[in-house]
Amino acid sequence: MIKRALTGLTFTTLLASASPAHADCADLWDWLDKGCRRIADTWKEGNDEIWFSGYSYHLPSTYTPEKRAELNSNAWGGGYGRTVEESNGDTHTVYYAGFLDSHKNWQNNLGYAWSTYWGPRDGVQFGLGYSLFIVQRPDIADGWPVPALLPLASFRYQQATLVLTYIPTLGGGVNHGSTLFVFGRYTFDTKYGR
């Protein structure tokens, strides 16, 4: 109970501190200032977006059939983000997303994502990027929030984006990772929504 309360307090504090009213990046070391400024500016200037999570594919090569039968593939949940799109099409996003993990436990994610895209903006675009975030779930670090970094691959059409990420095997062995996770994002108030 105390751990859940502390986790909720941690995520609330981090989300509130992303607000430009609370972000004073000048008080940080120079090497942190650029990243802090990017997050604060994205939160302040970004367009609202909603996230829809939906599917986890557990690779058969790293799970036993019995374990795959136990795991949850319907990773239902959602989230909220703020995204800035640069003139070259690159995006910066700050977000919170929560969903059911592979064991049907709630997973919290609070983070930053960057992606670059190829192709004409008014057509379907392919993108690659990364997400640096804090994750909290009961089977990692005894339920305490920990930092994580994952690759992103995206297909974007105007305001809608389908995103895939790969969660690698952790700790070696069988039944530990190697999962493809798919989710969607819809960005409001862009020039494509008018």
N, C-alpha and C. Protein backbone atom coordinates (compact mmCIF):
# COMPACT_ATOMS: atom_id res chain seq x y z
N MET A 1 0.82 -1.19 0.00
CA MET A 1 0.00 0.00 0.00
C MET A 1 0.87 1.25 0.00
N ILE A 2 1.90 1.27 0.83
CA ILE A 2 2.80 2.43 0.90
C ILE A 2 3.54 2.59 -0.41
N LYS A 3 3.98 1.46 -1.01
CA LYS A 3 4.70 1.51 -2.27
C LYS A 3 3.82 2.10 -3.38
N ARG A 4 2.54 1.69 -3.43
CA ARG A 4 1.63 2.25 -4.44
C ARG A 4 1.44 3.74 -4.24
N ALA A 5 1.30 4.16 -3.00
CA ALA A 5 1.13 5.59 -2.71
C ALA A 5 2.37 6.37 -3.12
N LEU A 6 3.56 5.83 -2.80
CA LEU A 6 4.81 6.50 -3.18
C LEU A 6 4.97 6.53 -4.70
N THR A 7 4.58 5.46 -5.36
CA THR A 7 4.67 5.43 -6.82
C THR A 7 3.75 6.48 -7.43
N GLY A 8 2.51 6.55 -6.95
CA GLY A 8 1.59 7.57 -7.43
C GLY A 8 2.10 8.97 -7.19
N LEU A 9 2.68 9.19 -6.02
CA LEU A 9 3.25 10.50 -5.69
C LEU A 9 4.42 10.82 -6.61
N THR A 10 5.27 9.82 -6.89
CA THR A 10 6.41 10.03 -7.78
C THR A 10 5.95 10.44 -9.18
N PHE A 11 4.99 9.71 -9.75
CA PHE A 11 4.51 10.03 -11.09
C PHE A 11 3.80 11.38 -11.13
N THR A 12 3.03 11.69 -10.11
CA THR A 12 2.35 12.99 -10.04
C THR A 12 3.36 14.12 -9.96
N THR A 13 4.39 13.95 -9.13
CA THR A 13 5.42 14.96 -8.98
C THR A 13 6.19 15.17 -10.28
N LEU A 14 6.54 14.08 -10.95
CA LEU A 14 7.27 14.19 -12.21
C LEU A 14 6.43 14.86 -13.29
N LEU A 15 5.15 14.51 -13.36
CA LEU A 15 4.28 15.13 -14.36
C LEU A 15 4.09 16.61 -14.06
N ALA A 16 3.91 16.96 -12.79
CA ALA A 16 3.74 18.37 -12.42
C ALA A 16 5.02 19.16 -12.66
N SER A 17 6.17 18.52 -12.43
CA SER A 17 7.43 19.24 -12.62
C SER A 17 7.76 19.46 -14.09
N ALA A 18 7.08 18.72 -14.98
CA ALA A 18 7.28 18.95 -16.42
C ALA A 18 6.60 20.24 -16.87
N SER A 19 5.70 20.76 -16.06
CA SER A 19 5.01 22.00 -16.40
C SER A 19 6.01 23.14 -16.43
N PRO A 20 5.94 24.03 -17.43
CA PRO A 20 6.89 25.12 -17.53
C PRO A 20 6.88 26.04 -16.32
N ALA A 21 5.76 26.10 -15.62
CA ALA A 21 5.71 26.95 -14.43
C ALA A 21 6.65 26.43 -13.35
N HIS A 22 6.95 25.13 -13.38
CA HIS A 22 7.81 24.54 -12.36
C HIS A 22 9.20 24.22 -12.88
N ALA A 23 9.42 24.29 -14.18
CA ALA A 23 10.70 23.90 -14.76
C ALA A 23 11.65 25.10 -14.76
N ASP A 24 12.69 25.00 -13.97
CA ASP A 24 13.72 26.03 -13.94
C ASP A 24 15.04 25.35 -14.32
N CYS A 25 15.23 25.20 -15.61
CA CYS A 25 16.36 24.45 -16.12
C CYS A 25 17.70 25.15 -15.87
N ALA A 26 17.68 26.44 -15.66
CA ALA A 26 18.92 27.19 -15.44
C ALA A 26 19.64 26.76 -14.18
N ASP A 27 18.93 26.15 -13.25
CA ASP A 27 19.55 25.71 -12.00
C ASP A 27 20.27 24.38 -12.13
N LEU A 28 20.22 23.77 -13.32
CA LEU A 28 20.85 22.46 -13.54
C LEU A 28 22.24 22.62 -14.14
N TRP A 29 23.00 21.54 -14.11
CA TRP A 29 24.29 21.54 -14.78
C TRP A 29 24.09 21.78 -16.27
N ASP A 30 25.08 22.32 -16.92
CA ASP A 30 24.97 22.67 -18.35
C ASP A 30 24.55 21.47 -19.20
N TRP A 31 25.10 20.29 -18.91
CA TRP A 31 24.80 19.13 -19.74
C TRP A 31 23.36 18.65 -19.57
N LEU A 32 22.70 19.01 -18.46
CA LEU A 32 21.30 18.65 -18.27
C LEU A 32 20.35 19.75 -18.76
N ASP A 33 20.86 20.97 -18.91
CA ASP A 33 20.02 22.10 -19.27
C ASP A 33 19.31 21.89 -20.61
N LYS A 34 20.01 21.39 -21.62
CA LYS A 34 19.42 21.21 -22.95
C LYS A 34 18.25 20.22 -22.90
N GLY A 35 18.44 19.09 -22.24
CA GLY A 35 17.37 18.10 -22.12
C GLY A 35 16.19 18.62 -21.33
N CYS A 36 16.47 19.30 -20.24
CA CYS A 36 15.41 19.88 -19.42
C CYS A 36 14.61 20.90 -20.21
N ARG A 37 15.32 21.76 -20.94
CA ARG A 37 14.67 22.79 -21.74
C ARG A 37 13.77 22.15 -22.80
N ARG A 38 14.26 21.07 -23.45
CA ARG A 38 13.49 20.38 -24.49
C ARG A 38 12.18 19.85 -23.89
N ILE A 39 12.25 19.22 -22.73
CA ILE A 39 11.05 18.67 -22.09
C ILE A 39 10.08 19.78 -21.70
N ALA A 40 10.60 20.84 -21.08
CA ALA A 40 9.74 21.96 -20.66
C ALA A 40 9.10 22.64 -21.86
N ASP A 41 9.88 22.86 -22.93
CA ASP A 41 9.33 23.51 -24.13
C ASP A 41 8.29 22.62 -24.83
N THR A 42 8.53 21.32 -24.84
CA THR A 42 7.57 20.40 -25.45
C THR A 42 6.25 20.43 -24.68
N TRP A 43 6.35 20.41 -23.37
CA TRP A 43 5.14 20.47 -22.55
C TRP A 43 4.39 21.78 -22.79
N LYS A 44 5.11 22.87 -22.88
CA LYS A 44 4.49 24.19 -23.02
C LYS A 44 3.93 24.41 -24.43
N GLU A 45 4.68 24.03 -25.46
CA GLU A 45 4.32 24.37 -26.84
C GLU A 45 3.69 23.23 -27.62
N GLY A 46 3.68 22.04 -27.05
CA GLY A 46 3.20 20.87 -27.78
C GLY A 46 1.71 20.83 -28.00
N ASN A 47 1.31 20.07 -28.99
CA ASN A 47 -0.10 19.79 -29.24
C ASN A 47 -0.52 18.60 -28.39
N ASP A 48 -1.77 18.63 -27.91
CA ASP A 48 -2.30 17.54 -27.11
C ASP A 48 -2.42 16.28 -27.97
N GLU A 49 -2.20 15.14 -27.32
CA GLU A 49 -2.46 13.90 -28.02
C GLU A 49 -2.93 12.85 -27.03
N ILE A 50 -3.74 11.93 -27.53
CA ILE A 50 -4.18 10.80 -26.71
C ILE A 50 -3.52 9.54 -27.24
N TRP A 51 -3.28 8.62 -26.32
CA TRP A 51 -2.63 7.37 -26.65
C TRP A 51 -3.59 6.22 -26.41
N PHE A 52 -3.52 5.23 -27.29
CA PHE A 52 -4.32 4.01 -27.16
C PHE A 52 -3.34 2.84 -27.18
N SER A 53 -3.30 2.08 -26.12
CA SER A 53 -2.44 0.90 -26.17
C SER A 53 -3.32 -0.30 -26.49
N GLY A 54 -2.66 -1.33 -26.95
CA GLY A 54 -3.51 -2.41 -27.38
C GLY A 54 -2.95 -3.80 -27.48
N TYR A 55 -1.72 -3.99 -27.94
CA TYR A 55 -1.32 -5.37 -28.22
C TYR A 55 0.15 -5.63 -27.90
N SER A 56 0.40 -6.77 -27.25
CA SER A 56 1.75 -7.25 -26.98
C SER A 56 1.92 -8.61 -27.65
N TYR A 57 2.96 -8.75 -28.45
CA TYR A 57 3.25 -10.02 -29.10
C TYR A 57 4.50 -10.61 -28.46
N HIS A 58 4.35 -11.73 -27.79
CA HIS A 58 5.46 -12.39 -27.11
C HIS A 58 6.10 -13.37 -28.10
N LEU A 59 7.34 -13.10 -28.48
CA LEU A 59 8.00 -13.89 -29.52
C LEU A 59 8.11 -15.37 -29.13
N PRO A 60 7.63 -16.27 -29.98
CA PRO A 60 7.64 -17.70 -29.66
C PRO A 60 9.05 -18.26 -29.43
N SER A 61 10.06 -17.64 -30.02
CA SER A 61 11.42 -18.16 -29.86
C SER A 61 11.98 -17.95 -28.46
N THR A 62 11.37 -17.11 -27.65
CA THR A 62 11.91 -16.85 -26.31
C THR A 62 10.96 -17.21 -25.19
N TYR A 63 9.79 -17.75 -25.52
CA TYR A 63 8.84 -18.18 -24.50
C TYR A 63 8.42 -19.61 -24.77
N THR A 64 8.18 -20.36 -23.72
CA THR A 64 7.63 -21.70 -23.89
C THR A 64 6.15 -21.56 -24.27
N PRO A 65 5.60 -22.55 -24.97
CA PRO A 65 4.17 -22.47 -25.32
C PRO A 65 3.28 -22.32 -24.08
N GLU A 66 3.65 -22.98 -22.99
CA GLU A 66 2.86 -22.90 -21.77
C GLU A 66 2.87 -21.47 -21.21
N LYS A 67 4.02 -20.84 -21.22
CA LYS A 67 4.13 -19.48 -20.70
C LYS A 67 3.38 -18.49 -21.60
N ARG A 68 3.50 -18.65 -22.92
CA ARG A 68 2.78 -17.76 -23.84
C ARG A 68 1.28 -17.87 -23.63
N ALA A 69 0.78 -19.06 -23.31
CA ALA A 69 -0.65 -19.25 -23.07
C ALA A 69 -1.11 -18.50 -21.83
N GLU A 70 -0.21 -18.30 -20.85
CA GLU A 70 -0.54 -17.59 -19.62
C GLU A 70 -0.51 -16.07 -19.78
N LEU A 71 0.26 -15.59 -20.74
CA LEU A 71 0.52 -14.15 -20.84
C LEU A 71 -0.63 -13.38 -21.50
N ASN A 72 -0.77 -12.14 -21.11
CA ASN A 72 -1.78 -11.24 -21.64
C ASN A 72 -1.26 -10.55 -22.88
N SER A 73 -1.94 -10.72 -24.00
CA SER A 73 -1.57 -10.01 -25.23
C SER A 73 -2.37 -8.73 -25.41
N ASN A 74 -3.50 -8.61 -24.73
CA ASN A 74 -4.35 -7.43 -24.84
C ASN A 74 -3.93 -6.40 -23.81
N ALA A 75 -3.00 -5.58 -24.19
CA ALA A 75 -2.42 -4.59 -23.27
C ALA A 75 -3.27 -3.31 -23.29
N TRP A 76 -4.53 -3.43 -22.86
CA TRP A 76 -5.44 -2.29 -22.92
C TRP A 76 -5.01 -1.19 -21.96
N GLY A 77 -5.18 0.04 -22.42
CA GLY A 77 -4.85 1.20 -21.61
C GLY A 77 -4.84 2.44 -22.47
N GLY A 78 -4.20 3.48 -21.98
CA GLY A 78 -4.15 4.72 -22.73
C GLY A 78 -3.21 5.71 -22.10
N GLY A 79 -3.24 6.92 -22.62
CA GLY A 79 -2.34 7.93 -22.07
C GLY A 79 -2.60 9.29 -22.67
N TYR A 80 -1.77 10.22 -22.24
CA TYR A 80 -1.86 11.60 -22.68
C TYR A 80 -0.45 12.10 -22.95
N GLY A 81 -0.30 12.84 -24.02
CA GLY A 81 1.02 13.40 -24.34
C GLY A 81 0.91 14.79 -24.92
N ARG A 82 2.07 15.43 -25.04
CA ARG A 82 2.19 16.73 -25.71
C ARG A 82 3.33 16.57 -26.70
N THR A 83 3.06 16.91 -27.98
CA THR A 83 4.05 16.70 -29.04
C THR A 83 4.33 17.99 -29.80
N VAL A 84 5.61 18.21 -30.04
CA VAL A 84 6.06 19.31 -30.90
C VAL A 84 6.63 18.68 -32.16
N GLU A 85 6.17 19.16 -33.32
CA GLU A 85 6.72 18.70 -34.59
C GLU A 85 7.58 19.81 -35.17
N GLU A 86 8.85 19.51 -35.43
CA GLU A 86 9.76 20.48 -36.02
C GLU A 86 9.50 20.62 -37.52
N SER A 87 10.05 21.63 -38.13
CA SER A 87 9.82 21.87 -39.56
C SER A 87 10.32 20.72 -40.43
N ASN A 88 11.30 19.95 -39.96
CA ASN A 88 11.81 18.81 -40.72
C ASN A 88 10.99 17.54 -40.48
N GLY A 89 9.94 17.63 -39.63
CA GLY A 89 9.08 16.48 -39.37
C GLY A 89 9.44 15.70 -38.13
N ASP A 90 10.62 15.95 -37.54
CA ASP A 90 10.99 15.27 -36.31
C ASP A 90 10.01 15.66 -35.20
N THR A 91 9.73 14.72 -34.29
CA THR A 91 8.82 15.01 -33.20
C THR A 91 9.50 14.80 -31.85
N HIS A 92 9.08 15.62 -30.89
CA HIS A 92 9.47 15.50 -29.48
C HIS A 92 8.17 15.37 -28.70
N THR A 93 8.09 14.38 -27.81
CA THR A 93 6.86 14.11 -27.07
C THR A 93 7.18 13.89 -25.60
N VAL A 94 6.38 14.47 -24.72
CA VAL A 94 6.39 14.09 -23.31
C VAL A 94 5.03 13.43 -23.05
N TYR A 95 5.03 12.39 -22.22
CA TYR A 95 3.81 11.60 -22.10
C TYR A 95 3.70 10.86 -20.79
N TYR A 96 2.46 10.47 -20.49
CA TYR A 96 2.16 9.45 -19.49
C TYR A 96 1.32 8.40 -20.20
N ALA A 97 1.63 7.13 -20.01
CA ALA A 97 0.83 6.04 -20.55
C ALA A 97 0.71 4.94 -19.50
N GLY A 98 -0.47 4.40 -19.38
CA GLY A 98 -0.70 3.28 -18.47
C GLY A 98 -1.48 2.19 -19.19
N PHE A 99 -1.16 0.94 -18.89
CA PHE A 99 -1.83 -0.17 -19.57
C PHE A 99 -1.61 -1.45 -18.79
N LEU A 100 -2.35 -2.49 -19.18
CA LEU A 100 -2.18 -3.81 -18.57
C LEU A 100 -0.95 -4.48 -19.17
N ASP A 101 -0.04 -4.94 -18.29
CA ASP A 101 1.17 -5.59 -18.78
C ASP A 101 0.89 -7.05 -19.13
N SER A 102 1.94 -7.81 -19.39
CA SER A 102 1.81 -9.20 -19.80
C SER A 102 1.19 -10.09 -18.73
N HIS A 103 1.19 -9.63 -17.48
CA HIS A 103 0.63 -10.41 -16.37
C HIS A 103 -0.69 -9.82 -15.88
N LYS A 104 -1.28 -8.92 -16.67
CA LYS A 104 -2.53 -8.22 -16.36
C LYS A 104 -2.41 -7.33 -15.12
N ASN A 105 -1.21 -6.82 -14.87
CA ASN A 105 -0.99 -5.82 -13.83
C ASN A 105 -0.86 -4.46 -14.51
N TRP A 106 -1.24 -3.40 -13.79
CA TRP A 106 -1.15 -2.06 -14.35
C TRP A 106 0.30 -1.62 -14.44
N GLN A 107 0.69 -1.07 -15.58
CA GLN A 107 2.04 -0.55 -15.79
C GLN A 107 1.96 0.93 -16.06
N ASN A 108 2.74 1.72 -15.32
CA ASN A 108 2.82 3.17 -15.49
C ASN A 108 4.10 3.52 -16.25
N ASN A 109 4.00 4.48 -17.18
CA ASN A 109 5.15 4.97 -17.94
C ASN A 109 5.06 6.49 -18.03
N LEU A 110 6.14 7.15 -17.71
CA LEU A 110 6.21 8.61 -17.82
C LEU A 110 7.51 8.92 -18.52
N GLY A 111 7.45 9.64 -19.67
CA GLY A 111 8.70 9.80 -20.38
C GLY A 111 8.71 10.82 -21.50
N TYR A 112 9.78 10.71 -22.26
CA TYR A 112 10.08 11.56 -23.41
C TYR A 112 10.35 10.65 -24.61
N ALA A 113 9.83 11.04 -25.78
CA ALA A 113 10.09 10.27 -27.00
C ALA A 113 10.52 11.22 -28.12
N TRP A 114 11.42 10.74 -28.95
CA TRP A 114 11.86 11.48 -30.13
C TRP A 114 11.75 10.54 -31.33
N SER A 115 11.26 11.07 -32.46
CA SER A 115 11.19 10.29 -33.70
C SER A 115 11.52 11.18 -34.89
N THR A 116 12.12 10.58 -35.90
CA THR A 116 12.33 11.25 -37.18
C THR A 116 11.57 10.46 -38.24
N TYR A 117 11.09 11.15 -39.27
CA TYR A 117 10.22 10.52 -40.27
C TYR A 117 10.75 10.76 -41.68
N TRP A 118 10.39 9.82 -42.59
CA TRP A 118 10.73 9.92 -43.99
C TRP A 118 9.46 9.88 -44.82
N GLY A 119 9.50 10.56 -45.95
CA GLY A 119 8.35 10.58 -46.85
C GLY A 119 7.58 11.88 -46.75
N PRO A 120 6.67 12.11 -47.70
CA PRO A 120 5.90 13.36 -47.70
C PRO A 120 4.95 13.43 -46.50
N ARG A 121 4.84 14.61 -45.90
CA ARG A 121 4.05 14.78 -44.69
C ARG A 121 2.56 14.53 -44.93
N ASP A 122 2.10 14.73 -46.15
CA ASP A 122 0.67 14.51 -46.41
C ASP A 122 0.37 13.07 -46.82
N GLY A 123 1.37 12.18 -46.76
CA GLY A 123 1.18 10.76 -47.05
C GLY A 123 1.55 9.92 -45.84
N VAL A 124 1.62 8.61 -46.04
CA VAL A 124 2.05 7.72 -44.97
C VAL A 124 3.56 7.85 -44.82
N GLN A 125 4.02 8.04 -43.60
CA GLN A 125 5.44 8.20 -43.32
C GLN A 125 5.93 7.09 -42.40
N PHE A 126 7.18 6.70 -42.58
CA PHE A 126 7.84 5.74 -41.69
C PHE A 126 8.80 6.52 -40.81
N GLY A 127 8.85 6.16 -39.53
CA GLY A 127 9.75 6.85 -38.62
C GLY A 127 10.47 5.90 -37.69
N LEU A 128 11.61 6.37 -37.21
CA LEU A 128 12.39 5.66 -36.19
C LEU A 128 12.72 6.63 -35.07
N GLY A 129 12.86 6.11 -33.87
CA GLY A 129 13.20 6.97 -32.76
C GLY A 129 13.46 6.17 -31.50
N TYR A 130 13.30 6.84 -30.37
CA TYR A 130 13.51 6.20 -29.08
C TYR A 130 12.61 6.84 -28.03
N SER A 131 12.44 6.13 -26.93
CA SER A 131 11.72 6.67 -25.79
C SER A 131 12.55 6.43 -24.54
N LEU A 132 12.78 7.48 -23.78
CA LEU A 132 13.46 7.42 -22.50
C LEU A 132 12.40 7.70 -21.46
N PHE A 133 12.18 6.77 -20.53
CA PHE A 133 11.04 6.91 -19.64
C PHE A 133 11.30 6.26 -18.29
N ILE A 134 10.38 6.51 -17.38
CA ILE A 134 10.37 5.85 -16.08
C ILE A 134 9.20 4.89 -16.10
N VAL A 135 9.46 3.64 -15.76
CA VAL A 135 8.44 2.60 -15.78
C VAL A 135 8.24 2.06 -14.37
N GLN A 136 7.00 1.73 -14.06
CA GLN A 136 6.69 1.11 -12.78
C GLN A 136 5.72 -0.03 -13.03
N ARG A 137 6.12 -1.22 -12.60
CA ARG A 137 5.26 -2.39 -12.64
C ARG A 137 5.73 -3.35 -11.56
N PRO A 138 4.85 -4.19 -11.03
CA PRO A 138 5.17 -4.99 -9.85
C PRO A 138 6.29 -6.01 -10.02
N ASP A 139 6.55 -6.47 -11.26
CA ASP A 139 7.56 -7.51 -11.43
C ASP A 139 8.94 -6.97 -11.81
N ILE A 140 9.10 -5.64 -11.81
CA ILE A 140 10.41 -5.04 -12.08
C ILE A 140 10.81 -4.21 -10.87
N ALA A 141 12.01 -4.45 -10.36
CA ALA A 141 12.57 -3.70 -9.23
C ALA A 141 11.61 -3.69 -8.04
N ASP A 142 10.96 -4.80 -7.82
CA ASP A 142 10.04 -4.94 -6.69
C ASP A 142 8.96 -3.86 -6.68
N GLY A 143 8.59 -3.37 -7.88
CA GLY A 143 7.52 -2.40 -8.00
C GLY A 143 7.93 -0.94 -7.92
N TRP A 144 9.22 -0.68 -7.76
CA TRP A 144 9.69 0.71 -7.70
C TRP A 144 9.90 1.26 -9.10
N PRO A 145 9.67 2.54 -9.34
CA PRO A 145 9.91 3.13 -10.67
C PRO A 145 11.39 3.08 -11.04
N VAL A 146 11.67 2.70 -12.29
CA VAL A 146 13.04 2.62 -12.79
C VAL A 146 13.12 3.24 -14.19
N PRO A 147 14.29 3.76 -14.57
CA PRO A 147 14.43 4.32 -15.92
C PRO A 147 14.57 3.22 -16.97
N ALA A 148 14.14 3.51 -18.20
CA ALA A 148 14.23 2.55 -19.30
C ALA A 148 14.41 3.32 -20.61
N LEU A 149 14.94 2.64 -21.59
CA LEU A 149 15.14 3.19 -22.93
C LEU A 149 14.75 2.12 -23.94
N LEU A 150 13.85 2.47 -24.87
CA LEU A 150 13.41 1.52 -25.88
C LEU A 150 13.39 2.17 -27.26
N PRO A 151 13.62 1.36 -28.32
CA PRO A 151 13.53 1.88 -29.69
C PRO A 151 12.07 2.00 -30.12
N LEU A 152 11.81 2.90 -31.07
CA LEU A 152 10.47 3.09 -31.62
C LEU A 152 10.52 3.00 -33.14
N ALA A 153 9.51 2.39 -33.72
CA ALA A 153 9.29 2.41 -35.17
C ALA A 153 7.84 2.87 -35.37
N SER A 154 7.62 3.80 -36.30
CA SER A 154 6.29 4.40 -36.43
C SER A 154 5.84 4.46 -37.87
N PHE A 155 4.52 4.42 -38.03
CA PHE A 155 3.86 4.71 -39.29
C PHE A 155 2.88 5.85 -38.99
N ARG A 156 3.07 6.98 -39.67
CA ARG A 156 2.27 8.17 -39.39
C ARG A 156 1.51 8.60 -40.64
N TYR A 157 0.24 8.92 -40.44
CA TYR A 157 -0.56 9.51 -41.49
C TYR A 157 -1.32 10.69 -40.88
N GLN A 158 -0.94 11.88 -41.28
CA GLN A 158 -1.51 13.12 -40.78
C GLN A 158 -1.47 13.14 -39.25
N GLN A 159 -2.61 13.03 -38.56
CA GLN A 159 -2.62 13.15 -37.11
C GLN A 159 -2.50 11.81 -36.38
N ALA A 160 -2.63 10.71 -37.09
CA ALA A 160 -2.63 9.38 -36.47
C ALA A 160 -1.27 8.71 -36.64
N THR A 161 -0.80 8.07 -35.58
CA THR A 161 0.48 7.38 -35.61
C THR A 161 0.34 6.00 -34.97
N LEU A 162 0.82 4.98 -35.66
CA LEU A 162 0.90 3.63 -35.12
C LEU A 162 2.36 3.41 -34.73
N VAL A 163 2.60 3.03 -33.48
CA VAL A 163 3.96 2.92 -32.96
C VAL A 163 4.22 1.49 -32.49
N LEU A 164 5.41 0.99 -32.80
CA LEU A 164 5.84 -0.32 -32.35
C LEU A 164 7.14 -0.15 -31.57
N THR A 165 7.30 -0.93 -30.52
CA THR A 165 8.56 -0.97 -29.80
C THR A 165 8.90 -2.41 -29.48
N TYR A 166 10.16 -2.64 -29.20
CA TYR A 166 10.64 -3.98 -28.89
C TYR A 166 11.23 -3.98 -27.48
N ILE A 167 10.71 -4.87 -26.64
CA ILE A 167 11.24 -5.03 -25.28
C ILE A 167 12.14 -6.26 -25.31
N PRO A 168 13.45 -6.05 -25.16
CA PRO A 168 14.38 -7.18 -25.30
C PRO A 168 14.34 -8.12 -24.10
N THR A 169 14.96 -9.29 -24.28
CA THR A 169 15.10 -10.24 -23.19
C THR A 169 15.97 -9.63 -22.10
N LEU A 170 15.49 -9.69 -20.88
CA LEU A 170 16.23 -9.16 -19.74
C LEU A 170 16.67 -10.30 -18.84
N GLY A 171 17.91 -10.29 -18.45
CA GLY A 171 18.40 -11.31 -17.54
C GLY A 171 18.66 -12.65 -18.18
N GLY A 172 18.50 -12.75 -19.47
CA GLY A 172 18.78 -14.01 -20.17
C GLY A 172 17.75 -15.08 -19.90
N GLY A 173 17.92 -16.18 -20.56
CA GLY A 173 17.04 -17.32 -20.35
C GLY A 173 15.73 -17.22 -21.11
N VAL A 174 14.87 -18.15 -20.81
CA VAL A 174 13.58 -18.26 -21.47
C VAL A 174 12.52 -17.54 -20.62
N ASN A 175 11.49 -17.02 -21.27
CA ASN A 175 10.35 -16.38 -20.62
C ASN A 175 10.68 -15.04 -19.95
N HIS A 176 11.63 -14.30 -20.51
CA HIS A 176 12.01 -13.00 -19.95
C HIS A 176 12.16 -11.95 -21.05
N GLY A 177 11.10 -11.43 -21.57
CA GLY A 177 11.21 -10.35 -22.56
C GLY A 177 11.01 -10.82 -23.98
N SER A 178 11.63 -10.10 -24.90
CA SER A 178 11.44 -10.32 -26.34
C SER A 178 9.96 -10.21 -26.69
N THR A 179 9.46 -8.99 -26.51
CA THR A 179 8.05 -8.69 -26.75
C THR A 179 7.94 -7.50 -27.69
N LEU A 180 7.06 -7.60 -28.67
CA LEU A 180 6.72 -6.46 -29.52
C LEU A 180 5.47 -5.82 -28.93
N PHE A 181 5.49 -4.52 -28.75
CA PHE A 181 4.36 -3.80 -28.17
C PHE A 181 3.87 -2.78 -29.19
N VAL A 182 2.57 -2.74 -29.43
CA VAL A 182 1.97 -1.86 -30.43
C VAL A 182 0.99 -0.93 -29.74
N PHE A 183 1.08 0.37 -30.07
CA PHE A 183 0.12 1.34 -29.55
C PHE A 183 -0.11 2.44 -30.58
N GLY A 184 -1.14 3.23 -30.36
CA GLY A 184 -1.48 4.30 -31.28
C GLY A 184 -1.50 5.65 -30.59
N ARG A 185 -1.30 6.69 -31.39
CA ARG A 185 -1.36 8.08 -30.89
C ARG A 185 -2.19 8.91 -31.87
N TYR A 186 -2.97 9.82 -31.31
CA TYR A 186 -3.72 10.76 -32.15
C TYR A 186 -3.43 12.16 -31.65
N THR A 187 -2.88 13.02 -32.51
CA THR A 187 -2.47 14.37 -32.15
C THR A 187 -3.55 15.36 -32.57
N PHE A 188 -3.96 16.21 -31.64
CA PHE A 188 -4.97 17.24 -31.90
C PHE A 188 -4.32 18.55 -32.30
N ASP A 189 -5.11 19.43 -32.90
CA ASP A 189 -4.71 20.82 -33.17
C ASP A 189 -3.48 20.96 -34.04
N THR A 190 -3.30 20.08 -35.00
CA THR A 190 -2.22 20.27 -35.98
C THR A 190 -2.84 20.86 -37.23
N LYS A 191 -2.01 21.26 -38.17
CA LYS A 191 -2.54 21.83 -39.41
C LYS A 191 -3.34 20.79 -40.19
N TYR A 192 -3.15 19.51 -39.88
CA TYR A 192 -3.88 18.46 -40.58
C TYR A 192 -5.28 18.26 -40.01
N GLY A 193 -5.55 18.84 -38.83
CA GLY A 193 -6.86 18.69 -38.21
C GLY A 193 -7.79 19.85 -38.50
N ARG A 194 -7.33 20.83 -39.21
CA ARG A 194 -8.15 22.01 -39.47
C ARG A 194 -8.84 21.94 -40.82
